């Protein structure tokens, strides 16, 4: 149910709340009760358990599963149920490489390219950074000049970690955005990252499939023609298009392209978000680092 409420929050800027609630089958009273609750935070117990799980997982060269990790932790005096270990491992995007269940729904259609399962499934919460990323392309036209922007948002702190501009919505633009996100987060691979997108041709392409194999991330896709499945990135583009003109002049396409990265810097470093307890994405991540 919380996933539906989250979708309403993300899209209410463009549509009436009453209409959104009716469309996805929730009550207005239930929605308003939900938004008054504080955002989910990582507890001290979660931090302790996540650290212990990661240590054993790394020690085993990724071969330990949830039951094995829970059993070994109990012998060390760290009592934890294997179901809790399993849940935290899902949040961490890690699993045993031994007898791992291989996705059977990844297939290549004759004309549509690769189609991936919806691993995100509208769960827009991430207790750790660099586990769940969402991405999309959006078109802008300024003074009859058309260009495209590509963005990646980390669901942990809703930060725009990859942002690129191009006159063409192609695989080069998507790959540039992914590599910029890697550099920003100081990562050498993306083996623990789920990268969620829509079913656009650039994301279902062979080039994107090869990039995922090279860097190690798990592609995830929205259901066909379903914008709700990628509501967070849709919300970011909505904020950008409505707020940008209040910060920067729209004199020319060249000027807008020069100023867009400045807006992204503002969005990450100065613009607070309710779901982050009215902290900015940058401040939220910094507090998380200090706390851990």
C-alpha atoms as a PDB file:
ATOM      1  CA  UNK A   1       0.000   0.000   0.000  1.00  0.00           C
ATOM      2  CA  UNK A   2       2.852   2.421   0.809  1.00  0.00           C
ATOM      3  CA  UNK A   3       4.068   2.091  -2.794  1.00  0.00           C
ATOM      4  CA  UNK A   4       0.735   3.453  -4.025  1.00  0.00           C
ATOM      5  CA  UNK A   5       0.837   6.358  -1.582  1.00  0.00           C
ATOM      6  CA  UNK A   6       4.402   7.129  -2.686  1.00  0.00           C
ATOM      7  CA  UNK A   7       3.267   7.256  -6.301  1.00  0.00           C
ATOM      8  CA  UNK A   8       0.533   9.765  -5.403  1.00  0.00           C
ATOM      9  CA  UNK A   9       3.077  12.000  -3.620  1.00  0.00           C
ATOM     10  CA  UNK A  10       5.409  11.943  -6.585  1.00  0.00           C
ATOM     11  CA  UNK A  11       2.746  12.820  -9.163  1.00  0.00           C
ATOM     12  CA  UNK A  12       0.428  15.155  -7.225  1.00  0.00           C
ATOM     13  CA  UNK A  13       2.254  18.183  -8.607  1.00  0.00           C
ATOM     14  CA  UNK A  14       0.763  17.444 -12.026  1.00  0.00           C
ATOM     15  CA  UNK A  15      -2.567  15.809 -11.138  1.00  0.00           C
ATOM     16  CA  UNK A  16      -5.294  16.300  -8.488  1.00  0.00           C
ATOM     17  CA  UNK A  17      -4.828  14.103  -5.410  1.00  0.00           C
ATOM     18  CA  UNK A  18      -8.431  12.924  -5.563  1.00  0.00           C
ATOM     19  CA  UNK A  19      -7.998  11.739  -9.158  1.00  0.00           C
ATOM     20  CA  UNK A  20      -4.695   9.992  -8.398  1.00  0.00           C
ATOM     21  CA  UNK A  21      -6.121   8.191  -5.358  1.00  0.00           C
ATOM     22  CA  UNK A  22      -9.102   7.016  -7.357  1.00  0.00           C
ATOM     23  CA  UNK A  23      -6.890   5.850 -10.238  1.00  0.00           C
ATOM     24  CA  UNK A  24      -4.712   3.602  -8.081  1.00  0.00           C
ATOM     25  CA  UNK A  25      -7.371   2.503  -5.606  1.00  0.00           C
ATOM     26  CA  UNK A  26      -6.545   4.238  -2.326  1.00  0.00           C
ATOM     27  CA  UNK A  27      -8.557   6.589  -0.129  1.00  0.00           C
ATOM     28  CA  UNK A  28      -7.736  10.279   0.277  1.00  0.00           C
ATOM     29  CA  UNK A  29      -7.832   9.962   4.073  1.00  0.00           C
ATOM     30  CA  UNK A  30      -5.429   7.028   3.998  1.00  0.00           C
ATOM     31  CA  UNK A  31      -3.068   8.969   1.736  1.00  0.00           C
ATOM     32  CA  UNK A  32      -3.009  12.081   3.929  1.00  0.00           C
ATOM     33  CA  UNK A  33      -2.404   9.893   6.979  1.00  0.00           C
ATOM     34  CA  UNK A  34       0.537   8.299   5.179  1.00  0.00           C
ATOM     35  CA  UNK A  35       2.275  11.534   4.175  1.00  0.00           C
ATOM     36  CA  UNK A  36       2.265  12.772   7.766  1.00  0.00           C
ATOM     37  CA  UNK A  37       4.389   9.833   8.860  1.00  0.00           C
ATOM     38  CA  UNK A  38       8.170  10.352   8.944  1.00  0.00           C
ATOM     39  CA  UNK A  39      10.268   8.825   6.159  1.00  0.00           C
ATOM     40  CA  UNK A  40      11.750   5.409   6.780  1.00  0.00           C
ATOM     41  CA  UNK A  41      15.171   5.666   8.386  1.00  0.00           C
ATOM     42  CA  UNK A  42      17.916   3.169   9.043  1.00  0.00           C
ATOM     43  CA  UNK A  43      17.904   2.101  12.686  1.00  0.00           C
ATOM     44  CA  UNK A  44      21.012   1.444  14.741  1.00  0.00           C
ATOM     45  CA  UNK A  45      20.074  -2.233  14.778  1.00  0.00           C
ATOM     46  CA  UNK A  46      19.852  -2.251  10.968  1.00  0.00           C
ATOM     47  CA  UNK A  47      23.295  -0.654  10.706  1.00  0.00           C
ATOM     48  CA  UNK A  48      24.812  -3.225  13.047  1.00  0.00           C
ATOM     49  CA  UNK A  49      23.177  -6.151  11.254  1.00  0.00           C
ATOM     50  CA  UNK A  50      24.029  -4.856   7.783  1.00  0.00           C
ATOM     51  CA  UNK A  51      27.683  -4.446   8.733  1.00  0.00           C
ATOM     52  CA  UNK A  52      27.854  -7.973  10.181  1.00  0.00           C
ATOM     53  CA  UNK A  53      26.096  -9.489   7.154  1.00  0.00           C
ATOM     54  CA  UNK A  54      28.381  -7.691   4.710  1.00  0.00           C
ATOM     55  CA  UNK A  55      31.498  -8.864   6.565  1.00  0.00           C
ATOM     56  CA  UNK A  56      30.476 -12.525   6.406  1.00  0.00           C
ATOM     57  CA  UNK A  57      29.293 -12.194   2.826  1.00  0.00           C
ATOM     58  CA  UNK A  58      32.648 -10.719   1.788  1.00  0.00           C
ATOM     59  CA  UNK A  59      34.570 -13.301   3.811  1.00  0.00           C
ATOM     60  CA  UNK A  60      32.761 -16.110   2.019  1.00  0.00           C
ATOM     61  CA  UNK A  61      33.492 -14.607  -1.405  1.00  0.00           C
ATOM     62  CA  UNK A  62      29.729 -14.149  -1.876  1.00  0.00           C
ATOM     63  CA  UNK A  63      28.953 -17.835  -1.353  1.00  0.00           C
ATOM     64  CA  UNK A  64      27.005 -17.575   1.931  1.00  0.00           C
ATOM     65  CA  UNK A  65      23.215 -17.355   1.806  1.00  0.00           C
ATOM     66  CA  UNK A  66      20.852 -15.924   4.426  1.00  0.00           C
ATOM     67  CA  UNK A  67      20.545 -19.130   6.511  1.00  0.00           C
ATOM     68  CA  UNK A  68      24.306 -19.681   6.551  1.00  0.00           C
ATOM     69  CA  UNK A  69      24.996 -16.088   7.566  1.00  0.00           C
ATOM     70  CA  UNK A  70      22.340 -16.179  10.310  1.00  0.00           C
ATOM     71  CA  UNK A  71      23.718 -19.462  11.643  1.00  0.00           C
ATOM     72  CA  UNK A  72      27.318 -18.264  11.774  1.00  0.00           C
ATOM     73  CA  UNK A  73      26.344 -14.946  13.362  1.00  0.00           C
ATOM     74  CA  UNK A  74      24.512 -16.856  16.128  1.00  0.00           C
ATOM     75  CA  UNK A  75      27.710 -18.784  16.936  1.00  0.00           C
ATOM     76  CA  UNK A  76      29.420 -15.402  17.399  1.00  0.00           C
ATOM     77  CA  UNK A  77      26.716 -14.209  19.808  1.00  0.00           C
ATOM     78  CA  UNK A  78      24.961 -12.052  17.222  1.00  0.00           C
ATOM     79  CA  UNK A  79      21.432 -13.440  17.377  1.00  0.00           C
ATOM     80  CA  UNK A  80      19.422 -12.786  14.231  1.00  0.00           C
ATOM     81  CA  UNK A  81      16.677 -14.652  12.410  1.00  0.00           C
ATOM     82  CA  UNK A  82      17.452 -15.885   8.895  1.00  0.00           C
ATOM     83  CA  UNK A  83      14.287 -14.186   7.627  1.00  0.00           C
ATOM     84  CA  UNK A  84      15.634 -10.838   8.803  1.00  0.00           C
ATOM     85  CA  UNK A  85      18.989 -11.599   7.170  1.00  0.00           C
ATOM     86  CA  UNK A  86      17.161 -12.450   3.949  1.00  0.00           C
ATOM     87  CA  UNK A  87      15.230  -9.169   4.042  1.00  0.00           C
ATOM     88  CA  UNK A  88      18.336  -7.091   4.691  1.00  0.00           C
ATOM     89  CA  UNK A  89      20.245  -8.898   1.944  1.00  0.00           C
ATOM     90  CA  UNK A  90      17.478  -7.971  -0.481  1.00  0.00           C
ATOM     91  CA  UNK A  91      17.803  -4.341   0.616  1.00  0.00           C
ATOM     92  CA  UNK A  92      21.576  -4.629   0.120  1.00  0.00           C
ATOM     93  CA  UNK A  93      21.100  -6.254  -3.303  1.00  0.00           C
ATOM     94  CA  UNK A  94      23.351  -9.165  -2.408  1.00  0.00           C
ATOM     95  CA  UNK A  95      22.713 -12.904  -2.626  1.00  0.00           C
ATOM     96  CA  UNK A  96      24.684 -16.135  -2.640  1.00  0.00           C
ATOM     97  CA  UNK A  97      26.319 -16.881  -5.966  1.00  0.00           C
ATOM     98  CA  UNK A  98      25.899 -20.589  -5.211  1.00  0.00           C
ATOM     99  CA  UNK A  99      22.703 -21.997  -6.665  1.00  0.00           C
ATOM    100  CA  UNK A 100      21.458 -18.447  -7.237  1.00  0.00           C
ATOM    101  CA  UNK A 101      18.071 -18.228  -8.863  1.00  0.00           C
ATOM    102  CA  UNK A 102      18.666 -16.920 -12.357  1.00  0.00           C
ATOM    103  CA  UNK A 103      16.049 -14.556 -13.794  1.00  0.00           C
ATOM    104  CA  UNK A 104      14.067 -16.457 -16.379  1.00  0.00           C
ATOM    105  CA  UNK A 105      12.093 -13.500 -17.633  1.00  0.00           C
ATOM    106  CA  UNK A 106      14.959 -11.736 -19.426  1.00  0.00           C
ATOM    107  CA  UNK A 107      14.374 -12.300 -23.107  1.00  0.00           C
ATOM    108  CA  UNK A 108      15.081 -10.650 -26.395  1.00  0.00           C
ATOM    109  CA  UNK A 109      12.169  -9.890 -28.619  1.00  0.00           C
ATOM    110  CA  UNK A 110      12.701  -9.961 -32.352  1.00  0.00           C
ATOM    111  CA  UNK A 111      12.104  -6.237 -32.834  1.00  0.00           C
ATOM    112  CA  UNK A 112      11.843  -4.842 -29.318  1.00  0.00           C
ATOM    113  CA  UNK A 113      15.271  -5.676 -27.930  1.00  0.00           C
ATOM    114  CA  UNK A 114      15.901  -6.977 -24.410  1.00  0.00           C
ATOM    115  CA  UNK A 115      13.020  -6.931 -21.932  1.00  0.00           C
ATOM    116  CA  UNK A 116      13.961  -7.163 -18.224  1.00  0.00           C
ATOM    117  CA  UNK A 117      11.830  -8.036 -15.176  1.00  0.00           C
ATOM    118  CA  UNK A 118      10.561  -5.258 -12.924  1.00  0.00           C
ATOM    119  CA  UNK A 119      12.980  -5.795 -10.028  1.00  0.00           C
ATOM    120  CA  UNK A 120      12.054  -2.482  -8.397  1.00  0.00           C
ATOM    121  CA  UNK A 121       8.311  -3.218  -8.327  1.00  0.00           C
ATOM    122  CA  UNK A 122       7.484   0.319  -7.101  1.00  0.00           C
ATOM    123  CA  UNK A 123       9.566  -0.091  -3.941  1.00  0.00           C
ATOM    124  CA  UNK A 124      11.084   3.386  -3.922  1.00  0.00           C
ATOM    125  CA  UNK A 125      12.842   2.996  -0.558  1.00  0.00           C
ATOM    126  CA  UNK A 126      16.506   2.004  -0.267  1.00  0.00           C
ATOM    127  CA  UNK A 127      18.188   1.666   3.119  1.00  0.00           C
ATOM    128  CA  UNK A 128      21.648   1.839   1.546  1.00  0.00           C
ATOM    129  CA  UNK A 129      23.146   4.014  -1.184  1.00  0.00           C
ATOM    130  CA  UNK A 130      24.114   2.540  -4.551  1.00  0.00           C
ATOM    131  CA  UNK A 131      21.564  -0.261  -4.428  1.00  0.00           C
ATOM    132  CA  UNK A 132      18.577   1.143  -6.336  1.00  0.00           C
ATOM    133  CA  UNK A 133      19.040   3.670  -9.125  1.00  0.00           C
ATOM    134  CA  UNK A 134      16.310   4.953 -11.447  1.00  0.00           C
ATOM    135  CA  UNK A 135      16.896   6.537 -14.836  1.00  0.00           C
ATOM    136  CA  UNK A 136      15.128   8.050 -17.816  1.00  0.00           C
ATOM    137  CA  UNK A 137      15.456  10.429 -20.758  1.00  0.00           C
ATOM    138  CA  UNK A 138      13.438  13.597 -21.278  1.00  0.00           C
ATOM    139  CA  UNK A 139      13.103  15.924 -24.230  1.00  0.00           C
ATOM    140  CA  UNK A 140      13.411  19.715 -24.048  1.00  0.00           C
ATOM    141  CA  UNK A 141      12.789  22.299 -26.767  1.00  0.00           C
ATOM    142  CA  UNK A 142      14.085  25.838 -26.346  1.00  0.00           C
ATOM    143  CA  UNK A 143      13.715  28.434 -29.103  1.00  0.00           C
ATOM    144  CA  UNK A 144      12.968  25.641 -31.619  1.00  0.00           C
ATOM    145  CA  UNK A 145      16.123  23.759 -30.626  1.00  0.00           C
ATOM    146  CA  UNK A 146      15.436  20.224 -29.431  1.00  0.00           C
ATOM    147  CA  UNK A 147      17.798  18.324 -27.119  1.00  0.00           C
ATOM    148  CA  UNK A 148      17.620  15.508 -24.602  1.00  0.00           C
ATOM    149  CA  UNK A 149      18.596  15.115 -20.961  1.00  0.00           C
ATOM    150  CA  UNK A 150      19.410  11.871 -19.213  1.00  0.00           C
ATOM    151  CA  UNK A 151      19.411  11.471 -15.433  1.00  0.00           C
ATOM    152  CA  UNK A 152      20.014   8.843 -12.761  1.00  0.00           C
ATOM    153  CA  UNK A 153      18.640   9.219  -9.227  1.00  0.00           C
ATOM    154  CA  UNK A 154      19.738   7.127  -6.244  1.00  0.00           C
ATOM    155  CA  UNK A 155      16.591   6.160  -4.329  1.00  0.00           C
ATOM    156  CA  UNK A 156      18.487   6.120  -1.023  1.00  0.00           C
ATOM    157  CA  UNK A 157      18.745   9.903  -0.793  1.00  0.00           C
ATOM    158  CA  UNK A 158      16.948  10.976  -3.988  1.00  0.00           C
ATOM    159  CA  UNK A 159      20.149  12.539  -5.306  1.00  0.00           C
ATOM    160  CA  UNK A 160      20.729  13.097  -9.014  1.00  0.00           C
ATOM    161  CA  UNK A 161      24.032  11.263  -9.388  1.00  0.00           C
ATOM    162  CA  UNK A 162      24.211  11.160 -13.181  1.00  0.00           C
ATOM    163  CA  UNK A 163      23.146  13.933 -15.560  1.00  0.00           C
ATOM    164  CA  UNK A 164      24.022  14.412 -19.226  1.00  0.00           C
ATOM    165  CA  UNK A 165      22.760  16.381 -22.236  1.00  0.00           C
ATOM    166  CA  UNK A 166      22.814  15.476 -25.925  1.00  0.00           C
ATOM    167  CA  UNK A 167      21.082  16.401 -29.191  1.00  0.00           C
ATOM    168  CA  UNK A 168      20.317  12.702 -29.632  1.00  0.00           C
ATOM    169  CA  UNK A 169      18.524  10.233 -27.265  1.00  0.00           C
ATOM    170  CA  UNK A 170      20.914   7.404 -28.010  1.00  0.00           C
ATOM    171  CA  UNK A 171      23.005   4.750 -26.255  1.00  0.00           C
ATOM    172  CA  UNK A 172      25.983   7.121 -26.014  1.00  0.00           C
ATOM    173  CA  UNK A 173      23.940   9.473 -23.837  1.00  0.00           C
ATOM    174  CA  UNK A 174      22.738   6.649 -21.589  1.00  0.00           C
ATOM    175  CA  UNK A 175      26.230   5.180 -21.165  1.00  0.00           C
ATOM    176  CA  UNK A 176      27.695   8.609 -20.385  1.00  0.00           C
ATOM    177  CA  UNK A 177      25.082   9.089 -17.654  1.00  0.00           C
ATOM    178  CA  UNK A 178      25.831   5.691 -16.090  1.00  0.00           C
ATOM    179  CA  UNK A 179      29.575   6.307 -16.055  1.00  0.00           C
ATOM    180  CA  UNK A 180      29.111   9.795 -14.579  1.00  0.00           C
ATOM    181  CA  UNK A 181      27.030   8.251 -11.786  1.00  0.00           C
ATOM    182  CA  UNK A 182      29.790   5.697 -11.154  1.00  0.00           C
ATOM    183  CA  UNK A 183      32.413   8.441 -10.961  1.00  0.00           C
ATOM    184  CA  UNK A 184      30.291  10.583  -8.637  1.00  0.00           C
ATOM    185  CA  UNK A 185      29.896   7.669  -6.224  1.00  0.00           C
ATOM    186  CA  UNK A 186      33.513   6.496  -6.600  1.00  0.00           C
ATOM    187  CA  UNK A 187      32.541   3.017  -7.757  1.00  0.00           C
ATOM    188  CA  UNK A 188      34.642   0.640  -9.836  1.00  0.00           C
ATOM    189  CA  UNK A 189      31.694  -1.590 -10.707  1.00  0.00           C
ATOM    190  CA  UNK A 190      27.931  -1.679 -10.237  1.00  0.00           C
ATOM    191  CA  UNK A 191      27.483  -5.287  -9.119  1.00  0.00           C
ATOM    192  CA  UNK A 192      25.126  -4.372  -6.278  1.00  0.00           C
ATOM    193  CA  UNK A 193      23.068  -1.857  -8.253  1.00  0.00           C
ATOM    194  CA  UNK A 194      19.620  -2.312  -9.743  1.00  0.00           C
ATOM    195  CA  UNK A 195      19.179   0.238 -12.536  1.00  0.00           C
ATOM    196  CA  UNK A 196      15.501   0.772 -13.310  1.00  0.00           C
ATOM    197  CA  UNK A 197      14.187   2.366 -16.499  1.00  0.00           C
ATOM    198  CA  UNK A 198      11.194   2.331 -18.792  1.00  0.00           C
ATOM    199  CA  UNK A 199      11.079   0.172 -21.922  1.00  0.00           C
ATOM    200  CA  UNK A 200      12.589   2.796 -24.209  1.00  0.00           C
ATOM    201  CA  UNK A 201      14.614   1.514 -27.142  1.00  0.00           C
ATOM    202  CA  UNK A 202      17.939   2.710 -25.693  1.00  0.00           C
ATOM    203  CA  UNK A 203      17.375   0.662 -22.528  1.00  0.00           C
ATOM    204  CA  UNK A 204      16.310  -2.476 -24.400  1.00  0.00           C
ATOM    205  CA  UNK A 205      19.177  -2.209 -26.889  1.00  0.00           C
ATOM    206  CA  UNK A 206      22.037  -4.664 -27.289  1.00  0.00           C
ATOM    207  CA  UNK A 207      24.456  -1.837 -26.409  1.00  0.00           C
ATOM    208  CA  UNK A 208      22.764  -1.307 -23.039  1.00  0.00           C
ATOM    209  CA  UNK A 209      22.710  -5.067 -22.424  1.00  0.00           C
ATOM    210  CA  UNK A 210      26.471  -5.220 -23.006  1.00  0.00           C
ATOM    211  CA  UNK A 211      27.051  -2.241 -20.710  1.00  0.00           C
ATOM    212  CA  UNK A 212      25.104  -3.980 -17.927  1.00  0.00           C
ATOM    213  CA  UNK A 213      27.227  -7.103 -18.369  1.00  0.00           C
ATOM    214  CA  UNK A 214      30.436  -5.053 -18.387  1.00  0.00           C
ATOM    215  CA  UNK A 215      29.677  -3.013 -15.262  1.00  0.00           C
ATOM    216  CA  UNK A 216      27.657  -5.667 -13.431  1.00  0.00           C
ATOM    217  CA  UNK A 217      24.388  -3.858 -12.739  1.00  0.00           C
ATOM    218  CA  UNK A 218      21.001  -5.560 -12.910  1.00  0.00           C
ATOM    219  CA  UNK A 219      18.672  -3.856 -15.404  1.00  0.00           C
ATOM    220  CA  UNK A 220      15.059  -3.489 -14.312  1.00  0.00           C
ATOM    221  CA  UNK A 221      12.154  -2.281 -16.430  1.00  0.00           C
ATOM    222  CA  UNK A 222       8.736  -0.778 -15.863  1.00  0.00           C
ATOM    223  CA  UNK A 223       5.738  -2.580 -17.187  1.00  0.00           C
ATOM    224  CA  UNK A 224       4.648  -1.566 -20.658  1.00  0.00           C
ATOM    225  CA  UNK A 225       3.224   1.975 -20.820  1.00  0.00           C
ATOM    226  CA  UNK A 226       3.221   2.354 -17.018  1.00  0.00           C
ATOM    227  CA  UNK A 227       4.770   5.631 -15.806  1.00  0.00           C
ATOM    228  CA  UNK A 228       3.852   4.818 -12.171  1.00  0.00           C
ATOM    229  CA  UNK A 229       6.609   2.190 -12.085  1.00  0.00           C
ATOM    230  CA  UNK A 230       9.260   4.892 -12.491  1.00  0.00           C
ATOM    231  CA  UNK A 231       7.540   7.708 -10.617  1.00  0.00           C
ATOM    232  CA  UNK A 232      10.626   9.077  -8.814  1.00  0.00           C
ATOM    233  CA  UNK A 233      12.541   9.990 -11.961  1.00  0.00           C
ATOM    234  CA  UNK A 234       9.333  11.315 -13.537  1.00  0.00           C
ATOM    235  CA  UNK A 235       8.943  13.538 -10.485  1.00  0.00           C
ATOM    236  CA  UNK A 236      12.490  14.869 -10.825  1.00  0.00           C
ATOM    237  CA  UNK A 237      11.943  15.859 -14.457  1.00  0.00           C
ATOM    238  CA  UNK A 238       8.666  17.527 -13.483  1.00  0.00           C
ATOM    239  CA  UNK A 239      10.427  19.597 -10.800  1.00  0.00           C
ATOM    240  CA  UNK A 240      13.203  20.515 -13.216  1.00  0.00           C
ATOM    241  CA  UNK A 241      10.855  21.710 -15.950  1.00  0.00           C
ATOM    242  CA  UNK A 242       8.615  23.744 -13.627  1.00  0.00           C
ATOM    243  CA  UNK A 243      11.264  25.204 -11.289  1.00  0.00           C
ATOM    244  CA  UNK A 244      14.201  25.796 -13.638  1.00  0.00           C
ATOM    245  CA  UNK A 245      12.673  28.937 -15.276  1.00  0.00           C
ATOM    246  CA  UNK A 246      12.410  30.570 -11.838  1.00  0.00           C
ATOM    247  CA  UNK A 247      16.170  30.250 -11.323  1.00  0.00           C
ATOM    248  CA  UNK A 248      17.660  30.746 -14.779  1.00  0.00           C
ATOM    249  CA  UNK A 249      16.743  32.746 -17.893  1.00  0.00           C
ATOM    250  CA  UNK A 250      15.420  30.972 -20.980  1.00  0.00           C
ATOM    251  CA  UNK A 251      17.306  33.105 -23.475  1.00  0.00           C
ATOM    252  CA  UNK A 252      18.702  30.392 -25.724  1.00  0.00           C
ATOM    253  CA  UNK A 253      19.129  26.632 -25.909  1.00  0.00           C
ATOM    254  CA  UNK A 254      22.866  27.036 -25.394  1.00  0.00           C
ATOM    255  CA  UNK A 255      22.317  29.047 -22.214  1.00  0.00           C
ATOM    256  CA  UNK A 256      19.795  26.529 -20.867  1.00  0.00           C
ATOM    257  CA  UNK A 257      22.166  23.639 -21.534  1.00  0.00           C
ATOM    258  CA  UNK A 258      24.888  25.529 -19.670  1.00  0.00           C
ATOM    259  CA  UNK A 259      22.606  26.250 -16.694  1.00  0.00           C
ATOM    260  CA  UNK A 260      20.952  22.828 -16.340  1.00  0.00           C
ATOM    261  CA  UNK A 261      23.904  21.315 -14.406  1.00  0.00           C
ATOM    262  CA  UNK A 262      23.710  24.319 -12.059  1.00  0.00           C
ATOM    263  CA  UNK A 263      20.071  23.494 -11.346  1.00  0.00           C
ATOM    264  CA  UNK A 264      21.030  19.880 -10.635  1.00  0.00           C
ATOM    265  CA  UNK A 265      23.666  21.131  -8.177  1.00  0.00           C
ATOM    266  CA  UNK A 266      20.972  23.244  -6.496  1.00  0.00           C
ATOM    267  CA  UNK A 267      18.570  20.280  -6.464  1.00  0.00           C
ATOM    268  CA  UNK A 268      21.145  18.077  -4.725  1.00  0.00           C
ATOM    269  CA  UNK A 269      22.719  20.582  -2.392  1.00  0.00           C
ATOM    270  CA  UNK A 270      20.117  23.213  -1.516  1.00  0.00           C
ATOM    271  CA  UNK A 271      16.595  21.972  -2.283  1.00  0.00           C
ATOM    272  CA  UNK A 272      15.114  20.098   0.702  1.00  0.00           C
ATOM    273  CA  UNK A 273      12.735  17.158   0.281  1.00  0.00           C
ATOM    274  CA  UNK A 274       9.903  16.155   2.569  1.00  0.00           C
ATOM    275  CA  UNK A 275      10.653  12.432   2.196  1.00  0.00           C
ATOM    276  CA  UNK A 276      14.140  13.152   3.559  1.00  0.00           C
ATOM    277  CA  UNK A 277      12.824  14.936   6.630  1.00  0.00           C
ATOM    278  CA  UNK A 278      13.241  18.279   4.843  1.00  0.00           C
ATOM    279  CA  UNK A 279      16.962  17.689   4.368  1.00  0.00           C
ATOM    280  CA  UNK A 280      18.697  18.087   1.036  1.00  0.00           C
ATOM    281  CA  UNK A 281      19.915  14.903  -0.714  1.00  0.00           C
ATOM    282  CA  UNK A 282      23.522  15.886   0.011  1.00  0.00           C
ATOM    283  CA  UNK A 283      22.860  16.561   3.705  1.00  0.00           C
ATOM    284  CA  UNK A 284      20.894  13.333   4.102  1.00  0.00           C
ATOM    285  CA  UNK A 285      23.764  11.278   2.671  1.00  0.00           C
ATOM    286  CA  UNK A 286      26.335  13.079   4.815  1.00  0.00           C
ATOM    287  CA  UNK A 287      24.329  12.418   7.987  1.00  0.00           C
ATOM    288  CA  UNK A 288      24.011   8.766   7.012  1.00  0.00           C
ATOM    289  CA  UNK A 289      27.797   8.508   6.580  1.00  0.00           C
ATOM    290  CA  UNK A 290      28.431  10.085   9.983  1.00  0.00           C
ATOM    291  CA  UNK A 291      25.875   7.820  11.654  1.00  0.00           C
ATOM    292  CA  UNK A 292      27.387   4.682  10.148  1.00  0.00           C
END
